[in-house]
Amino acid sequence: MMRKMIFGSLSGLALMLSVGSAAATTIYNEAVDGDLDAIGTTNVNLVAGVNTILGSINQTPPAETDRIRFTQAIGMTVDSIILSFAAPFDDASIGQNMNSALFNSVANLFDDSFGAINSGASISASFFDSFGPETGPLSQDTGGAVWDFQLSAGLVFPAQPWTLTINTTQAPVDVIPLPAGGVLLLTGIAGFAALKRRKRRPA
């Protein structure tokens, strides 16, 4: 009976941890935090786990651009970046003049997967740039790297909500053991303090 109770408690704890780790953190919501501009003045920090950025390209005209930068922490790896839309585009009612870009500051590279958008299908980062004078992989594990995402539209009707999902993992922080010499030093300081207190005590 006790074994079953312990097993049940451990199973419940594992389930709670798995659910908690899968929960997404909205690091920016355009409807709540303010309209994104075209020059990228908004910069947010990534957290470990699932990050979401929520936005919407308004019905045009006039033309609109949403741009946002996000920074990864030391020891963090960006595992995936996915752009998705609320629903597939309706060719009869939505313009197909949307464009996207994903830039990484480490080597000044643009992701191949982000470019002209002609459907409402999700777009996943390839983390590689094969065009232009500078080519190669986009760094996914450089602390302090700044990612720059941009979505623009020449003609959109009706408005099109979008979500950028960034999945990250954080390396565990290594605990640096105190050297043996440091332990001896602390012991000596503690002993000296005790001796000093004893000398001050009246006879």
N, C-alpha and C. Protein backbone atom coordinates (compact mmCIF):
# COMPACT_ATOMS: atom_id res chain seq x y z
N MET A 1 0.84 -1.20 0.00
CA MET A 1 0.00 0.00 0.00
C MET A 1 0.88 1.26 0.00
N MET A 2 1.87 1.27 0.89
CA MET A 2 2.78 2.40 0.97
C MET A 2 3.53 2.59 -0.33
N ARG A 3 3.93 1.46 -0.95
CA ARG A 3 4.66 1.53 -2.21
C ARG A 3 3.80 2.17 -3.30
N LYS A 4 2.50 1.80 -3.32
CA LYS A 4 1.59 2.37 -4.31
C LYS A 4 1.41 3.87 -4.10
N MET A 5 1.31 4.28 -2.83
CA MET A 5 1.15 5.70 -2.54
C MET A 5 2.37 6.49 -2.99
N ILE A 6 3.57 5.95 -2.71
CA ILE A 6 4.79 6.63 -3.10
C ILE A 6 4.88 6.73 -4.62
N PHE A 7 4.55 5.60 -5.31
CA PHE A 7 4.60 5.59 -6.77
C PHE A 7 3.61 6.58 -7.36
N GLY A 8 2.42 6.64 -6.75
CA GLY A 8 1.39 7.58 -7.24
C GLY A 8 1.82 9.02 -7.05
N SER A 9 2.44 9.31 -5.90
CA SER A 9 2.90 10.68 -5.65
C SER A 9 3.99 11.08 -6.63
N LEU A 10 4.94 10.17 -6.88
CA LEU A 10 6.01 10.46 -7.82
C LEU A 10 5.48 10.64 -9.23
N SER A 11 4.50 9.84 -9.61
CA SER A 11 3.91 9.96 -10.95
C SER A 11 3.21 11.30 -11.10
N GLY A 12 2.48 11.70 -10.05
CA GLY A 12 1.80 12.99 -10.09
C GLY A 12 2.77 14.14 -10.19
N LEU A 13 3.89 14.06 -9.44
CA LEU A 13 4.90 15.10 -9.48
C LEU A 13 5.54 15.19 -10.86
N ALA A 14 5.82 14.04 -11.46
CA ALA A 14 6.42 14.03 -12.80
C ALA A 14 5.47 14.65 -13.82
N LEU A 15 4.18 14.36 -13.67
CA LEU A 15 3.19 14.93 -14.59
C LEU A 15 3.12 16.44 -14.44
N MET A 16 3.15 16.93 -13.18
CA MET A 16 3.10 18.37 -12.95
C MET A 16 4.32 19.06 -13.54
N LEU A 17 5.49 18.44 -13.39
CA LEU A 17 6.71 19.03 -13.93
C LEU A 17 6.68 19.07 -15.45
N SER A 18 6.17 17.99 -16.07
CA SER A 18 6.13 17.96 -17.52
C SER A 18 5.16 18.98 -18.07
N VAL A 19 4.02 19.16 -17.39
CA VAL A 19 3.05 20.15 -17.84
C VAL A 19 3.60 21.55 -17.67
N GLY A 20 4.27 21.79 -16.52
CA GLY A 20 4.83 23.11 -16.27
C GLY A 20 5.91 23.48 -17.26
N SER A 21 6.75 22.48 -17.65
CA SER A 21 7.82 22.77 -18.57
C SER A 21 7.32 23.02 -19.98
N ALA A 22 6.13 22.48 -20.30
CA ALA A 22 5.59 22.64 -21.64
C ALA A 22 4.82 23.94 -21.80
N ALA A 23 4.51 24.61 -20.70
CA ALA A 23 3.73 25.84 -20.77
C ALA A 23 4.55 26.94 -21.44
N ALA A 24 3.88 27.68 -22.32
CA ALA A 24 4.55 28.75 -23.06
C ALA A 24 4.53 30.05 -22.26
N THR A 25 5.59 30.84 -22.42
CA THR A 25 5.67 32.16 -21.82
C THR A 25 5.54 33.20 -22.93
N THR A 26 4.53 34.04 -22.84
CA THR A 26 4.36 35.11 -23.82
C THR A 26 5.28 36.27 -23.43
N ILE A 27 6.34 36.46 -24.19
CA ILE A 27 7.31 37.50 -23.85
C ILE A 27 6.94 38.84 -24.48
N TYR A 28 6.03 38.82 -25.45
CA TYR A 28 5.49 40.09 -25.99
C TYR A 28 4.16 39.81 -26.66
N ASN A 29 3.19 40.67 -26.35
CA ASN A 29 1.86 40.59 -26.96
C ASN A 29 1.53 41.99 -27.49
N GLU A 30 1.48 42.09 -28.80
CA GLU A 30 1.29 43.41 -29.41
C GLU A 30 -0.01 44.07 -28.96
N ALA A 31 -1.04 43.26 -28.74
CA ALA A 31 -2.33 43.82 -28.33
C ALA A 31 -2.28 44.39 -26.92
N VAL A 32 -1.36 43.89 -26.09
CA VAL A 32 -1.26 44.32 -24.69
C VAL A 32 -0.09 45.28 -24.48
N ASP A 33 1.06 44.94 -25.07
CA ASP A 33 2.30 45.66 -24.79
C ASP A 33 2.57 46.82 -25.73
N GLY A 34 1.79 46.95 -26.78
CA GLY A 34 1.97 48.07 -27.69
C GLY A 34 2.30 47.66 -29.10
N ASP A 35 1.99 48.53 -30.05
CA ASP A 35 2.18 48.24 -31.47
C ASP A 35 3.67 48.14 -31.80
N LEU A 36 4.02 47.13 -32.59
CA LEU A 36 5.40 46.98 -33.04
C LEU A 36 5.64 47.91 -34.23
N ASP A 37 6.79 48.59 -34.23
CA ASP A 37 7.08 49.51 -35.33
C ASP A 37 7.95 48.84 -36.39
N ALA A 38 8.31 49.62 -37.39
CA ALA A 38 9.07 49.07 -38.52
C ALA A 38 10.58 49.17 -38.34
N ILE A 39 11.03 49.86 -37.29
CA ILE A 39 12.48 50.04 -37.11
C ILE A 39 13.06 49.16 -36.01
N GLY A 40 12.20 48.38 -35.33
CA GLY A 40 12.70 47.42 -34.35
C GLY A 40 13.16 48.01 -33.05
N THR A 41 12.41 48.96 -32.51
CA THR A 41 12.80 49.55 -31.23
C THR A 41 12.50 48.64 -30.05
N THR A 42 11.68 47.60 -30.26
CA THR A 42 11.32 46.68 -29.16
C THR A 42 12.31 45.53 -29.09
N ASN A 43 12.87 45.32 -27.91
CA ASN A 43 13.80 44.22 -27.68
C ASN A 43 13.40 43.51 -26.39
N VAL A 44 13.16 42.21 -26.46
CA VAL A 44 12.76 41.42 -25.30
C VAL A 44 13.78 40.31 -25.07
N ASN A 45 13.79 39.78 -23.85
CA ASN A 45 14.72 38.72 -23.49
C ASN A 45 14.03 37.36 -23.53
N LEU A 46 14.71 36.39 -24.10
CA LEU A 46 14.19 35.03 -24.13
C LEU A 46 14.32 34.38 -22.76
N VAL A 47 13.41 33.47 -22.45
CA VAL A 47 13.49 32.67 -21.24
C VAL A 47 13.64 31.21 -21.64
N ALA A 48 14.04 30.39 -20.70
CA ALA A 48 14.19 28.96 -20.98
C ALA A 48 12.82 28.33 -21.20
N GLY A 49 12.69 27.55 -22.24
CA GLY A 49 11.43 26.88 -22.53
C GLY A 49 10.80 27.40 -23.80
N VAL A 50 9.48 27.52 -23.79
CA VAL A 50 8.72 27.95 -24.96
C VAL A 50 8.37 29.43 -24.83
N ASN A 51 8.87 30.24 -25.75
CA ASN A 51 8.58 31.67 -25.79
C ASN A 51 7.63 31.95 -26.94
N THR A 52 6.65 32.82 -26.72
CA THR A 52 5.78 33.24 -27.82
C THR A 52 5.73 34.75 -27.91
N ILE A 53 5.72 35.22 -29.15
CA ILE A 53 5.51 36.63 -29.46
C ILE A 53 4.25 36.70 -30.31
N LEU A 54 3.27 37.48 -29.85
CA LEU A 54 1.98 37.56 -30.52
C LEU A 54 1.82 38.91 -31.19
N GLY A 55 1.42 38.90 -32.45
CA GLY A 55 1.23 40.15 -33.17
C GLY A 55 0.14 40.02 -34.20
N SER A 56 -0.07 41.11 -34.94
CA SER A 56 -1.08 41.11 -35.99
C SER A 56 -0.72 42.15 -37.04
N ILE A 57 -0.75 41.73 -38.29
CA ILE A 57 -0.61 42.67 -39.39
C ILE A 57 -1.99 43.24 -39.67
N ASN A 58 -2.13 44.54 -39.47
CA ASN A 58 -3.43 45.17 -39.63
C ASN A 58 -3.87 45.18 -41.09
N GLN A 59 -5.17 45.31 -41.26
CA GLN A 59 -5.71 45.44 -42.61
C GLN A 59 -5.09 46.66 -43.29
N THR A 60 -4.68 46.50 -44.53
CA THR A 60 -4.05 47.60 -45.27
C THR A 60 -4.93 48.02 -46.43
N PRO A 61 -4.76 49.22 -47.02
CA PRO A 61 -3.70 50.18 -46.71
C PRO A 61 -3.97 50.93 -45.40
N PRO A 62 -2.95 51.59 -44.84
CA PRO A 62 -1.58 51.71 -45.37
C PRO A 62 -0.75 50.47 -45.08
N ALA A 63 0.40 50.37 -45.73
CA ALA A 63 1.28 49.23 -45.52
C ALA A 63 1.79 49.23 -44.08
N GLU A 64 1.99 48.04 -43.54
CA GLU A 64 2.44 47.94 -42.14
C GLU A 64 3.58 46.94 -42.03
N THR A 65 4.47 47.21 -41.07
CA THR A 65 5.57 46.30 -40.76
C THR A 65 5.65 46.11 -39.26
N ASP A 66 5.74 44.85 -38.83
CA ASP A 66 5.99 44.51 -37.43
C ASP A 66 7.42 44.01 -37.32
N ARG A 67 8.17 44.62 -36.39
CA ARG A 67 9.57 44.21 -36.21
C ARG A 67 9.87 44.14 -34.73
N ILE A 68 10.58 43.08 -34.32
CA ILE A 68 10.92 42.91 -32.91
C ILE A 68 12.25 42.17 -32.80
N ARG A 69 13.05 42.56 -31.81
CA ARG A 69 14.32 41.89 -31.54
C ARG A 69 14.18 41.10 -30.23
N PHE A 70 14.87 39.98 -30.16
CA PHE A 70 14.89 39.22 -28.91
C PHE A 70 16.30 38.68 -28.67
N THR A 71 16.70 38.72 -27.41
CA THR A 71 18.06 38.40 -27.01
C THR A 71 18.11 37.12 -26.19
N GLN A 72 19.09 36.28 -26.47
CA GLN A 72 19.23 35.03 -25.70
C GLN A 72 20.28 35.19 -24.61
N ALA A 73 20.05 34.49 -23.51
CA ALA A 73 20.92 34.61 -22.34
C ALA A 73 22.17 33.74 -22.49
N ILE A 74 23.13 33.96 -21.61
CA ILE A 74 24.33 33.14 -21.56
C ILE A 74 23.93 31.70 -21.23
N GLY A 75 24.50 30.75 -21.95
CA GLY A 75 24.20 29.34 -21.71
C GLY A 75 22.91 28.86 -22.33
N MET A 76 22.26 29.70 -23.12
CA MET A 76 20.98 29.33 -23.73
C MET A 76 21.19 28.91 -25.19
N THR A 77 20.42 27.92 -25.62
CA THR A 77 20.41 27.47 -27.01
C THR A 77 19.03 27.68 -27.59
N VAL A 78 18.97 28.27 -28.77
CA VAL A 78 17.71 28.43 -29.48
C VAL A 78 17.51 27.18 -30.33
N ASP A 79 16.53 26.36 -29.97
CA ASP A 79 16.32 25.08 -30.64
C ASP A 79 15.47 25.21 -31.91
N SER A 80 14.48 26.08 -31.88
CA SER A 80 13.62 26.26 -33.06
C SER A 80 12.93 27.60 -32.99
N ILE A 81 12.61 28.13 -34.17
CA ILE A 81 11.83 29.36 -34.31
C ILE A 81 10.78 29.10 -35.38
N ILE A 82 9.51 29.30 -35.02
CA ILE A 82 8.41 28.96 -35.93
C ILE A 82 7.45 30.14 -36.03
N LEU A 83 7.16 30.54 -37.25
CA LEU A 83 6.16 31.58 -37.51
C LEU A 83 4.87 30.90 -37.97
N SER A 84 3.79 31.22 -37.28
CA SER A 84 2.50 30.62 -37.65
C SER A 84 1.43 31.70 -37.69
N PHE A 85 0.35 31.40 -38.40
CA PHE A 85 -0.75 32.34 -38.57
C PHE A 85 -2.03 31.76 -37.99
N ALA A 86 -2.99 32.66 -37.72
CA ALA A 86 -4.23 32.23 -37.07
C ALA A 86 -5.00 31.26 -37.94
N ALA A 87 -4.91 31.42 -39.25
CA ALA A 87 -5.64 30.55 -40.17
C ALA A 87 -4.97 30.60 -41.53
N PRO A 88 -5.18 29.60 -42.35
CA PRO A 88 -4.64 29.65 -43.72
C PRO A 88 -5.16 30.88 -44.46
N PHE A 89 -4.33 31.42 -45.35
CA PHE A 89 -4.76 32.58 -46.12
C PHE A 89 -5.92 32.21 -47.02
N ASP A 90 -6.85 33.14 -47.15
CA ASP A 90 -7.95 33.01 -48.09
C ASP A 90 -7.58 33.81 -49.33
N ASP A 91 -7.28 33.10 -50.42
CA ASP A 91 -6.81 33.78 -51.62
C ASP A 91 -7.80 34.81 -52.14
N ALA A 92 -9.07 34.62 -51.82
CA ALA A 92 -10.09 35.53 -52.34
C ALA A 92 -10.16 36.82 -51.55
N SER A 93 -9.63 36.83 -50.32
CA SER A 93 -9.82 38.00 -49.48
C SER A 93 -8.57 38.53 -48.82
N ILE A 94 -7.43 37.90 -49.04
CA ILE A 94 -6.20 38.40 -48.39
C ILE A 94 -5.09 38.55 -49.42
N GLY A 95 -4.42 39.67 -49.38
CA GLY A 95 -3.34 39.90 -50.31
C GLY A 95 -2.16 38.99 -50.03
N GLN A 96 -1.40 38.67 -51.05
CA GLN A 96 -0.26 37.77 -50.92
C GLN A 96 1.07 38.54 -51.01
N ASN A 97 1.09 39.71 -50.43
CA ASN A 97 2.28 40.55 -50.50
C ASN A 97 3.02 40.63 -49.18
N MET A 98 2.95 39.58 -48.38
CA MET A 98 3.64 39.59 -47.09
C MET A 98 5.06 39.05 -47.25
N ASN A 99 5.96 39.65 -46.49
CA ASN A 99 7.35 39.22 -46.49
C ASN A 99 7.86 39.13 -45.06
N SER A 100 8.77 38.20 -44.83
CA SER A 100 9.33 38.03 -43.48
C SER A 100 10.84 37.95 -43.57
N ALA A 101 11.50 38.24 -42.46
CA ALA A 101 12.95 38.13 -42.38
C ALA A 101 13.34 37.77 -40.95
N LEU A 102 14.36 36.93 -40.82
CA LEU A 102 14.91 36.56 -39.51
C LEU A 102 16.42 36.71 -39.58
N PHE A 103 16.95 37.57 -38.74
CA PHE A 103 18.37 37.93 -38.77
C PHE A 103 19.02 37.56 -37.45
N ASN A 104 20.28 37.12 -37.52
CA ASN A 104 21.06 36.80 -36.34
C ASN A 104 22.30 37.68 -36.30
N SER A 105 22.55 38.32 -35.16
CA SER A 105 23.62 39.31 -35.06
C SER A 105 25.01 38.73 -34.99
N VAL A 106 25.14 37.44 -34.72
CA VAL A 106 26.47 36.86 -34.49
C VAL A 106 27.33 36.93 -35.74
N ALA A 107 26.77 36.53 -36.89
CA ALA A 107 27.55 36.55 -38.12
C ALA A 107 26.86 37.35 -39.22
N ASN A 108 25.88 38.19 -38.82
CA ASN A 108 25.14 39.02 -39.77
C ASN A 108 24.51 38.18 -40.89
N LEU A 109 23.78 37.14 -40.49
CA LEU A 109 23.18 36.23 -41.46
C LEU A 109 21.66 36.25 -41.36
N PHE A 110 21.01 35.98 -42.50
CA PHE A 110 19.56 35.89 -42.58
C PHE A 110 19.15 34.44 -42.81
N ASP A 111 18.07 34.02 -42.15
CA ASP A 111 17.61 32.64 -42.29
C ASP A 111 16.94 32.42 -43.65
N ASP A 112 17.32 31.31 -44.31
CA ASP A 112 16.80 31.00 -45.64
C ASP A 112 15.28 30.82 -45.67
N SER A 113 14.71 30.29 -44.58
CA SER A 113 13.30 29.92 -44.60
C SER A 113 12.37 31.12 -44.59
N PHE A 114 12.88 32.26 -44.13
CA PHE A 114 12.04 33.45 -44.02
C PHE A 114 12.24 34.33 -45.24
N GLY A 115 11.13 34.66 -45.89
CA GLY A 115 11.18 35.46 -47.10
C GLY A 115 9.77 35.77 -47.53
N ALA A 116 9.47 35.63 -48.83
CA ALA A 116 8.13 35.89 -49.35
C ALA A 116 7.15 34.86 -48.79
N ILE A 117 5.98 35.34 -48.41
CA ILE A 117 4.94 34.47 -47.84
C ILE A 117 3.74 34.47 -48.77
N ASN A 118 3.36 33.28 -49.22
CA ASN A 118 2.23 33.18 -50.15
C ASN A 118 1.16 32.22 -49.67
N SER A 119 1.25 31.79 -48.42
CA SER A 119 0.21 30.95 -47.84
C SER A 119 0.24 31.11 -46.33
N GLY A 120 -0.74 30.54 -45.66
CA GLY A 120 -0.80 30.62 -44.21
C GLY A 120 -0.09 29.49 -43.51
N ALA A 121 0.73 28.73 -44.24
CA ALA A 121 1.45 27.61 -43.64
C ALA A 121 2.54 28.11 -42.70
N SER A 122 2.82 27.34 -41.67
CA SER A 122 3.86 27.71 -40.71
C SER A 122 5.23 27.68 -41.37
N ILE A 123 6.12 28.53 -40.86
CA ILE A 123 7.49 28.61 -41.38
C ILE A 123 8.44 28.30 -40.23
N SER A 124 9.33 27.34 -40.44
CA SER A 124 10.31 26.97 -39.42
C SER A 124 11.71 27.41 -39.85
N ALA A 125 12.44 27.96 -38.92
CA ALA A 125 13.80 28.42 -39.22
C ALA A 125 14.69 27.26 -39.62
N SER A 126 15.51 27.49 -40.63
CA SER A 126 16.49 26.48 -41.06
C SER A 126 17.84 26.71 -40.38
N PHE A 127 18.01 27.92 -39.79
CA PHE A 127 19.27 28.32 -39.15
C PHE A 127 20.45 28.23 -40.12
N PHE A 128 20.17 28.63 -41.36
CA PHE A 128 21.25 28.65 -42.36
C PHE A 128 20.97 29.75 -43.37
N ASP A 129 22.05 30.40 -43.82
CA ASP A 129 21.97 31.44 -44.83
C ASP A 129 22.84 31.01 -46.01
N SER A 130 22.19 30.76 -47.15
CA SER A 130 22.93 30.30 -48.33
C SER A 130 22.99 31.36 -49.42
N PHE A 131 22.52 32.58 -49.13
CA PHE A 131 22.50 33.64 -50.12
C PHE A 131 23.42 34.79 -49.71
N GLY A 132 23.83 35.58 -50.70
CA GLY A 132 24.60 36.77 -50.41
C GLY A 132 26.08 36.51 -50.25
N PRO A 133 26.82 37.57 -49.96
CA PRO A 133 28.29 37.44 -49.82
C PRO A 133 28.70 36.66 -48.57
N GLU A 134 27.88 36.69 -47.53
CA GLU A 134 28.19 35.95 -46.30
C GLU A 134 27.19 34.81 -46.15
N THR A 135 27.67 33.61 -46.05
CA THR A 135 26.80 32.44 -45.92
C THR A 135 27.28 31.57 -44.76
N GLY A 136 26.40 30.66 -44.34
CA GLY A 136 26.77 29.73 -43.29
C GLY A 136 25.66 29.57 -42.27
N PRO A 137 25.90 28.78 -41.23
CA PRO A 137 24.88 28.54 -40.21
C PRO A 137 24.70 29.74 -39.29
N LEU A 138 23.47 29.95 -38.85
CA LEU A 138 23.17 30.97 -37.85
C LEU A 138 23.47 30.38 -36.47
N SER A 139 24.22 31.09 -35.66
CA SER A 139 24.58 30.58 -34.34
C SER A 139 23.33 30.45 -33.46
N GLN A 140 23.19 29.29 -32.83
CA GLN A 140 22.04 29.04 -31.97
C GLN A 140 22.39 29.03 -30.49
N ASP A 141 23.69 29.08 -30.16
CA ASP A 141 24.08 28.91 -28.75
C ASP A 141 25.04 29.99 -28.27
N THR A 142 24.97 31.17 -28.87
CA THR A 142 25.84 32.27 -28.45
C THR A 142 25.09 33.18 -27.48
N GLY A 143 25.56 33.24 -26.24
CA GLY A 143 24.95 34.10 -25.25
C GLY A 143 25.05 35.56 -25.64
N GLY A 144 23.96 36.29 -25.51
CA GLY A 144 23.95 37.69 -25.87
C GLY A 144 23.60 37.95 -27.32
N ALA A 145 23.41 36.89 -28.12
CA ALA A 145 23.05 37.06 -29.53
C ALA A 145 21.68 37.73 -29.62
N VAL A 146 21.56 38.63 -30.59
CA VAL A 146 20.30 39.33 -30.82
C VAL A 146 19.69 38.83 -32.11
N TRP A 147 18.45 38.37 -32.01
CA TRP A 147 17.69 37.94 -33.17
C TRP A 147 16.74 39.07 -33.56
N ASP A 148 16.57 39.25 -34.85
CA ASP A 148 15.76 40.35 -35.38
C ASP A 148 14.72 39.76 -36.34
N PHE A 149 13.44 39.85 -35.95
CA PHE A 149 12.36 39.30 -36.79
C PHE A 149 11.54 40.45 -37.37
N GLN A 150 11.17 40.30 -38.63
CA GLN A 150 10.39 41.34 -39.30
C GLN A 150 9.32 40.69 -40.18
N LEU A 151 8.12 41.25 -40.12
CA LEU A 151 7.01 40.79 -40.96
C LEU A 151 6.35 42.02 -41.55
N SER A 152 6.28 42.08 -42.87
CA SER A 152 5.71 43.26 -43.53
C SER A 152 4.71 42.84 -44.59
N ALA A 153 3.81 43.77 -44.91
CA ALA A 153 2.77 43.48 -45.89
C ALA A 153 2.48 44.70 -46.73
N GLY A 154 2.36 44.50 -48.02
CA GLY A 154 1.96 45.57 -48.89
C GLY A 154 0.44 45.68 -48.98
N LEU A 155 -0.24 44.53 -48.94
CA LEU A 155 -1.69 44.51 -49.02
C LEU A 155 -2.22 43.32 -48.24
N VAL A 156 -3.01 43.58 -47.22
CA VAL A 156 -3.60 42.52 -46.40
C VAL A 156 -5.05 42.86 -46.11
N PHE A 157 -5.93 41.92 -46.37
CA PHE A 157 -7.34 42.08 -46.03
C PHE A 157 -7.95 40.70 -45.81
N PRO A 158 -8.55 40.41 -44.65
CA PRO A 158 -8.58 41.26 -43.44
C PRO A 158 -7.26 41.18 -42.68
N ALA A 159 -7.26 41.71 -41.43
CA ALA A 159 -6.04 41.65 -40.60
C ALA A 159 -5.63 40.20 -40.38
N GLN A 160 -4.32 39.98 -40.22
CA GLN A 160 -3.81 38.62 -40.07
C GLN A 160 -2.99 38.49 -38.78
N PRO A 161 -3.56 37.86 -37.73
CA PRO A 161 -2.78 37.61 -36.51
C PRO A 161 -1.67 36.59 -36.77
N TRP A 162 -0.54 36.77 -36.08
CA TRP A 162 0.58 35.85 -36.24
C TRP A 162 1.21 35.55 -34.88
N THR A 163 1.92 34.43 -34.82
CA THR A 163 2.62 34.01 -33.60
C THR A 163 4.02 33.55 -33.96
N LEU A 164 5.01 34.06 -33.24
CA LEU A 164 6.38 33.58 -33.39
C LEU A 164 6.71 32.78 -32.13
N THR A 165 7.02 31.50 -32.31
CA THR A 165 7.32 30.61 -31.19
C THR A 165 8.80 30.28 -31.20
N ILE A 166 9.47 30.57 -30.10
CA ILE A 166 10.91 30.32 -29.97
C ILE A 166 11.13 29.31 -28.84
N ASN A 167 11.63 28.15 -29.18
CA ASN A 167 11.91 27.11 -28.19
C ASN A 167 13.39 27.16 -27.80
N THR A 168 13.64 27.22 -26.51
CA THR A 168 15.02 27.32 -26.03
C THR A 168 15.29 26.32 -24.91
N THR A 169 16.55 26.02 -24.72
CA THR A 169 16.99 25.24 -23.57
C THR A 169 18.11 26.00 -22.89
N GLN A 170 18.16 25.88 -21.57
CA GLN A 170 19.17 26.57 -20.78
C GLN A 170 20.11 25.56 -20.15
N ALA A 171 21.40 25.71 -20.39
CA ALA A 171 22.38 24.80 -19.79
C ALA A 171 22.40 24.98 -18.29
N PRO A 172 22.54 23.89 -17.53
CA PRO A 172 22.60 24.02 -16.07
C PRO A 172 23.84 24.79 -15.65
N VAL A 173 23.69 25.56 -14.58
CA VAL A 173 24.81 26.35 -14.06
C VAL A 173 25.71 25.44 -13.24
N ASP A 174 26.99 25.40 -13.60
CA ASP A 174 27.96 24.57 -12.89
C ASP A 174 28.30 25.21 -11.54
N VAL A 175 28.20 24.40 -10.48
CA VAL A 175 28.59 24.87 -9.15
C VAL A 175 30.09 24.69 -8.99
N ILE A 176 30.81 25.78 -8.80
CA ILE A 176 32.27 25.71 -8.67
C ILE A 176 32.62 25.39 -7.22
N PRO A 177 33.26 24.23 -6.98
CA PRO A 177 33.59 23.87 -5.60
C PRO A 177 34.64 24.80 -5.01
N LEU A 178 34.51 25.05 -3.72
CA LEU A 178 35.48 25.91 -3.03
C LEU A 178 36.78 25.14 -2.86
N PRO A 179 37.90 25.70 -3.28
CA PRO A 179 39.19 25.01 -3.13
C PRO A 179 39.49 24.72 -1.65
N ALA A 180 40.33 23.69 -1.44
CA ALA A 180 40.68 23.31 -0.06
C ALA A 180 41.33 24.47 0.67
N GLY A 181 42.13 25.25 -0.04
CA GLY A 181 42.77 26.40 0.59
C GLY A 181 41.75 27.42 1.07
N GLY A 182 40.66 27.57 0.31
CA GLY A 182 39.61 28.50 0.70
C GLY A 182 38.91 28.06 1.96
N VAL A 183 38.70 26.74 2.11
CA VAL A 183 38.07 26.20 3.32
C VAL A 183 38.95 26.48 4.53
N LEU A 184 40.27 26.26 4.39
CA LEU A 184 41.19 26.51 5.50
C LEU A 184 41.20 27.99 5.87
N LEU A 185 41.13 28.85 4.85
CA LEU A 185 41.13 30.28 5.11
C LEU A 185 39.89 30.69 5.89
N LEU A 186 38.72 30.18 5.49
CA LEU A 186 37.48 30.50 6.19
C LEU A 186 37.51 29.97 7.63
N THR A 187 38.08 28.77 7.80
CA THR A 187 38.18 28.21 9.14
C THR A 187 39.07 29.08 10.02
N GLY A 188 40.19 29.56 9.46
CA GLY A 188 41.08 30.41 10.22
C GLY A 188 40.43 31.73 10.61
N ILE A 189 39.66 32.33 9.70
CA ILE A 189 38.97 33.58 10.00
C ILE A 189 37.95 33.39 11.11
N ALA A 190 37.20 32.25 11.03
CA ALA A 190 36.21 31.97 12.06
C ALA A 190 36.87 31.78 13.42
N GLY A 191 38.01 31.08 13.45
CA GLY A 191 38.73 30.87 14.70
C GLY A 191 39.26 32.17 15.28
N PHE A 192 39.77 33.03 14.41
CA PHE A 192 40.28 34.33 14.85
C PHE A 192 39.16 35.18 15.45
N ALA A 193 37.98 35.14 14.81
CA ALA A 193 36.84 35.91 15.32
C ALA A 193 36.41 35.40 16.68
N ALA A 194 36.43 34.07 16.87
CA ALA A 194 36.04 33.49 18.15
C ALA A 194 37.03 33.88 19.24
N LEU A 195 38.33 33.88 18.91
CA LEU A 195 39.36 34.25 19.87
C LEU A 195 39.22 35.71 20.28
N LYS A 196 38.88 36.55 19.31
CA LYS A 196 38.73 37.97 19.59
C LYS A 196 37.55 38.21 20.55
N ARG A 197 36.44 37.48 20.34
CA ARG A 197 35.28 37.62 21.20
C ARG A 197 35.62 37.17 22.63
N ARG A 198 36.44 36.08 22.75
CA ARG A 198 36.80 35.57 24.07
C ARG A 198 37.67 36.57 24.82
N LYS A 199 38.53 37.28 24.12
CA LYS A 199 39.40 38.26 24.78
C LYS A 199 38.59 39.44 25.29
N ARG A 200 37.52 39.80 24.58
CA ARG A 200 36.73 40.95 24.97
C ARG A 200 35.81 40.63 26.16
N ARG A 201 35.51 39.33 26.40
CA ARG A 201 34.61 38.94 27.47
C ARG A 201 35.25 39.25 28.82
N PRO A 202 34.56 39.95 29.71
CA PRO A 202 35.13 40.29 31.04
C PRO A 202 35.34 39.04 31.89
N ALA A 203 36.37 39.08 32.76
CA ALA A 203 36.69 37.94 33.60
C ALA A 203 35.69 37.82 34.74
